[in-house]
């Protein structure tokens, strides 16, 4: 479980990364929309793991690879924003957020389940 400090730092990094992708790093995402769904920070605040979601979802692995290649640039932009709040800017690690895909898969599985209506005997017992 994350401490309050980790949660605060994670939320701040999430907010700042969102602004960086909107304003400073548009050339990296080539017209796609990037959503930072979560940021998890290690207890020593040295590593921040950012989970990204992309729209449209056509070439998301290529986009993630491009972002990973430009981590130094993104970290530098983040450092400009958080230099007064954090002593050390955490190293960034980017991951694909697959919760939407997982939810769609679960919905598909649940839609295939057929629940038979209760028999009259079961109605009387309840």
C-alpha atoms as a PDB file:
ATOM      1  CA  UNK A   1       0.000   0.000   0.000  1.00  0.00           C
ATOM      2  CA  UNK A   2       1.265   3.426  -0.935  1.00  0.00           C
ATOM      3  CA  UNK A   3       1.902   6.082   1.665  1.00  0.00           C
ATOM      4  CA  UNK A   4       0.197   9.459   1.478  1.00  0.00           C
ATOM      5  CA  UNK A   5       3.431  11.017   0.239  1.00  0.00           C
ATOM      6  CA  UNK A   6       3.709   8.463  -2.580  1.00  0.00           C
ATOM      7  CA  UNK A   7       0.100   9.099  -3.559  1.00  0.00           C
ATOM      8  CA  UNK A   8       0.587  12.878  -3.584  1.00  0.00           C
ATOM      9  CA  UNK A   9       3.751  12.664  -5.651  1.00  0.00           C
ATOM     10  CA  UNK A  10       2.083  10.191  -8.012  1.00  0.00           C
ATOM     11  CA  UNK A  11      -0.913  12.460  -8.558  1.00  0.00           C
ATOM     12  CA  UNK A  12       1.347  15.455  -9.179  1.00  0.00           C
ATOM     13  CA  UNK A  13       3.461  13.544 -11.690  1.00  0.00           C
ATOM     14  CA  UNK A  14       0.298  12.251 -13.384  1.00  0.00           C
ATOM     15  CA  UNK A  15      -1.021  15.801 -13.759  1.00  0.00           C
ATOM     16  CA  UNK A  16       2.298  17.156 -15.015  1.00  0.00           C
ATOM     17  CA  UNK A  17       2.840  14.294 -17.483  1.00  0.00           C
ATOM     18  CA  UNK A  18      -0.618  14.928 -18.900  1.00  0.00           C
ATOM     19  CA  UNK A  19       0.251  18.563 -19.507  1.00  0.00           C
ATOM     20  CA  UNK A  20       3.616  17.609 -21.005  1.00  0.00           C
ATOM     21  CA  UNK A  21       1.979  15.258 -23.503  1.00  0.00           C
ATOM     22  CA  UNK A  22      -0.601  17.921 -24.398  1.00  0.00           C
ATOM     23  CA  UNK A  23       1.808  20.824 -24.839  1.00  0.00           C
ATOM     24  CA  UNK A  24       5.473  19.864 -25.040  1.00  0.00           C
ATOM     25  CA  UNK A  25       5.537  16.353 -26.479  1.00  0.00           C
ATOM     26  CA  UNK A  26       2.875  16.456 -29.175  1.00  0.00           C
ATOM     27  CA  UNK A  27       5.498  15.595 -31.779  1.00  0.00           C
ATOM     28  CA  UNK A  28       6.085  12.262 -30.027  1.00  0.00           C
ATOM     29  CA  UNK A  29       2.492  11.081 -30.092  1.00  0.00           C
ATOM     30  CA  UNK A  30       1.671  12.211 -33.666  1.00  0.00           C
ATOM     31  CA  UNK A  31      -1.932  13.274 -33.211  1.00  0.00           C
ATOM     32  CA  UNK A  32      -2.995  10.548 -30.809  1.00  0.00           C
ATOM     33  CA  UNK A  33      -4.531  11.184 -27.417  1.00  0.00           C
ATOM     34  CA  UNK A  34      -2.487   9.919 -24.475  1.00  0.00           C
ATOM     35  CA  UNK A  35      -4.114   9.432 -21.097  1.00  0.00           C
ATOM     36  CA  UNK A  36      -2.024   8.814 -18.017  1.00  0.00           C
ATOM     37  CA  UNK A  37      -4.330   6.481 -16.127  1.00  0.00           C
ATOM     38  CA  UNK A  38      -2.107   5.977 -13.073  1.00  0.00           C
ATOM     39  CA  UNK A  39       1.326   6.748 -11.691  1.00  0.00           C
ATOM     40  CA  UNK A  40       2.831   4.495  -9.026  1.00  0.00           C
ATOM     41  CA  UNK A  41       5.864   5.780  -7.151  1.00  0.00           C
ATOM     42  CA  UNK A  42       8.347   3.620  -5.242  1.00  0.00           C
ATOM     43  CA  UNK A  43       8.686   4.250  -1.477  1.00  0.00           C
ATOM     44  CA  UNK A  44      11.968   6.120  -1.922  1.00  0.00           C
ATOM     45  CA  UNK A  45      10.372   8.289  -4.675  1.00  0.00           C
ATOM     46  CA  UNK A  46      13.154   7.392  -7.112  1.00  0.00           C
ATOM     47  CA  UNK A  47      11.074   5.573  -9.737  1.00  0.00           C
ATOM     48  CA  UNK A  48       7.678   6.538 -11.130  1.00  0.00           C
ATOM     49  CA  UNK A  49       5.782   3.973 -13.182  1.00  0.00           C
ATOM     50  CA  UNK A  50       3.299   5.668 -15.509  1.00  0.00           C
ATOM     51  CA  UNK A  51       0.492   3.656 -17.094  1.00  0.00           C
ATOM     52  CA  UNK A  52      -0.650   5.042 -20.450  1.00  0.00           C
ATOM     53  CA  UNK A  53      -3.760   4.603 -22.529  1.00  0.00           C
ATOM     54  CA  UNK A  54      -3.943   5.677 -26.191  1.00  0.00           C
ATOM     55  CA  UNK A  55      -6.707   6.756 -28.573  1.00  0.00           C
ATOM     56  CA  UNK A  56      -6.923   5.690 -31.372  1.00  0.00           C
ATOM     57  CA  UNK A  57      -5.605   2.281 -30.452  1.00  0.00           C
ATOM     58  CA  UNK A  58      -4.189   1.337 -33.868  1.00  0.00           C
ATOM     59  CA  UNK A  59      -0.469   1.729 -33.280  1.00  0.00           C
ATOM     60  CA  UNK A  60      -0.185   1.934 -29.517  1.00  0.00           C
ATOM     61  CA  UNK A  61       2.920  -0.268 -29.260  1.00  0.00           C
ATOM     62  CA  UNK A  62       4.756   2.032 -31.679  1.00  0.00           C
ATOM     63  CA  UNK A  63       3.662   5.064 -29.656  1.00  0.00           C
ATOM     64  CA  UNK A  64       4.781   3.449 -26.404  1.00  0.00           C
ATOM     65  CA  UNK A  65       8.167   2.613 -27.925  1.00  0.00           C
ATOM     66  CA  UNK A  66       8.548   6.210 -29.130  1.00  0.00           C
ATOM     67  CA  UNK A  67       7.717   7.512 -25.669  1.00  0.00           C
ATOM     68  CA  UNK A  68      10.177   5.092 -24.063  1.00  0.00           C
ATOM     69  CA  UNK A  69      12.918   6.247 -26.476  1.00  0.00           C
ATOM     70  CA  UNK A  70      12.272   9.866 -25.471  1.00  0.00           C
ATOM     71  CA  UNK A  71      12.100   9.295 -21.711  1.00  0.00           C
ATOM     72  CA  UNK A  72      15.033  11.652 -21.106  1.00  0.00           C
ATOM     73  CA  UNK A  73      13.229  14.505 -22.878  1.00  0.00           C
ATOM     74  CA  UNK A  74      10.014  13.861 -20.932  1.00  0.00           C
ATOM     75  CA  UNK A  75      11.903  13.604 -17.631  1.00  0.00           C
ATOM     76  CA  UNK A  76      13.640  16.911 -18.372  1.00  0.00           C
ATOM     77  CA  UNK A  77      10.286  18.605 -18.998  1.00  0.00           C
ATOM     78  CA  UNK A  78       8.950  17.049 -15.792  1.00  0.00           C
ATOM     79  CA  UNK A  79      11.986  18.330 -13.885  1.00  0.00           C
ATOM     80  CA  UNK A  80      11.226  21.881 -15.053  1.00  0.00           C
ATOM     81  CA  UNK A  81       7.735  21.570 -13.566  1.00  0.00           C
ATOM     82  CA  UNK A  82       8.459  19.836 -10.233  1.00  0.00           C
ATOM     83  CA  UNK A  83      11.860  21.286  -9.358  1.00  0.00           C
ATOM     84  CA  UNK A  84      10.403  23.262  -6.445  1.00  0.00           C
ATOM     85  CA  UNK A  85       8.339  20.363  -5.038  1.00  0.00           C
ATOM     86  CA  UNK A  86      10.755  17.425  -5.331  1.00  0.00           C
ATOM     87  CA  UNK A  87      14.407  17.207  -4.461  1.00  0.00           C
ATOM     88  CA  UNK A  88      15.069  14.377  -6.920  1.00  0.00           C
ATOM     89  CA  UNK A  89      13.063  13.908 -10.105  1.00  0.00           C
ATOM     90  CA  UNK A  90      12.099  10.224 -10.313  1.00  0.00           C
ATOM     91  CA  UNK A  91      13.185   8.033 -13.197  1.00  0.00           C
ATOM     92  CA  UNK A  92      10.221   7.382 -15.458  1.00  0.00           C
ATOM     93  CA  UNK A  93       9.040   3.982 -16.638  1.00  0.00           C
ATOM     94  CA  UNK A  94       6.150   3.791 -19.071  1.00  0.00           C
ATOM     95  CA  UNK A  95       3.743   0.874 -19.361  1.00  0.00           C
ATOM     96  CA  UNK A  96       0.662   0.129 -21.419  1.00  0.00           C
ATOM     97  CA  UNK A  97      -2.549   0.307 -19.402  1.00  0.00           C
ATOM     98  CA  UNK A  98      -4.695  -2.618 -20.448  1.00  0.00           C
ATOM     99  CA  UNK A  99      -7.573  -2.238 -18.006  1.00  0.00           C
ATOM    100  CA  UNK A 100      -9.986  -1.170 -20.774  1.00  0.00           C
ATOM    101  CA  UNK A 101      -9.101  -4.243 -22.816  1.00  0.00           C
ATOM    102  CA  UNK A 102      -9.439  -6.447 -19.736  1.00  0.00           C
ATOM    103  CA  UNK A 103     -12.857  -4.955 -18.956  1.00  0.00           C
ATOM    104  CA  UNK A 104     -14.015  -5.539 -22.533  1.00  0.00           C
ATOM    105  CA  UNK A 105     -12.800  -9.134 -22.358  1.00  0.00           C
ATOM    106  CA  UNK A 106     -14.662  -9.712 -19.087  1.00  0.00           C
ATOM    107  CA  UNK A 107     -17.829  -8.162 -20.543  1.00  0.00           C
ATOM    108  CA  UNK A 108     -17.591 -10.525 -23.490  1.00  0.00           C
ATOM    109  CA  UNK A 109     -17.178 -13.510 -21.163  1.00  0.00           C
ATOM    110  CA  UNK A 110     -20.129 -12.459 -19.029  1.00  0.00           C
ATOM    111  CA  UNK A 111     -22.342 -11.843 -22.060  1.00  0.00           C
ATOM    112  CA  UNK A 112     -21.834 -15.480 -23.118  1.00  0.00           C
ATOM    113  CA  UNK A 113     -23.100 -16.838 -19.797  1.00  0.00           C
ATOM    114  CA  UNK A 114     -26.642 -18.152 -19.957  1.00  0.00           C
ATOM    115  CA  UNK A 115     -28.471 -18.208 -16.641  1.00  0.00           C
ATOM    116  CA  UNK A 116     -31.600 -20.326 -16.798  1.00  0.00           C
ATOM    117  CA  UNK A 117     -34.732 -18.939 -15.181  1.00  0.00           C
ATOM    118  CA  UNK A 118     -35.607 -20.477 -11.809  1.00  0.00           C
ATOM    119  CA  UNK A 119     -37.946 -23.440 -11.827  1.00  0.00           C
ATOM    120  CA  UNK A 120     -41.296 -23.099 -10.011  1.00  0.00           C
ATOM    121  CA  UNK A 121     -40.039 -25.411  -7.234  1.00  0.00           C
ATOM    122  CA  UNK A 122     -37.125 -23.056  -6.487  1.00  0.00           C
ATOM    123  CA  UNK A 123     -39.474 -20.050  -6.314  1.00  0.00           C
ATOM    124  CA  UNK A 124     -41.582 -21.695  -3.619  1.00  0.00           C
ATOM    125  CA  UNK A 125     -38.536 -22.534  -1.473  1.00  0.00           C
ATOM    126  CA  UNK A 126     -37.287 -18.935  -1.429  1.00  0.00           C
END
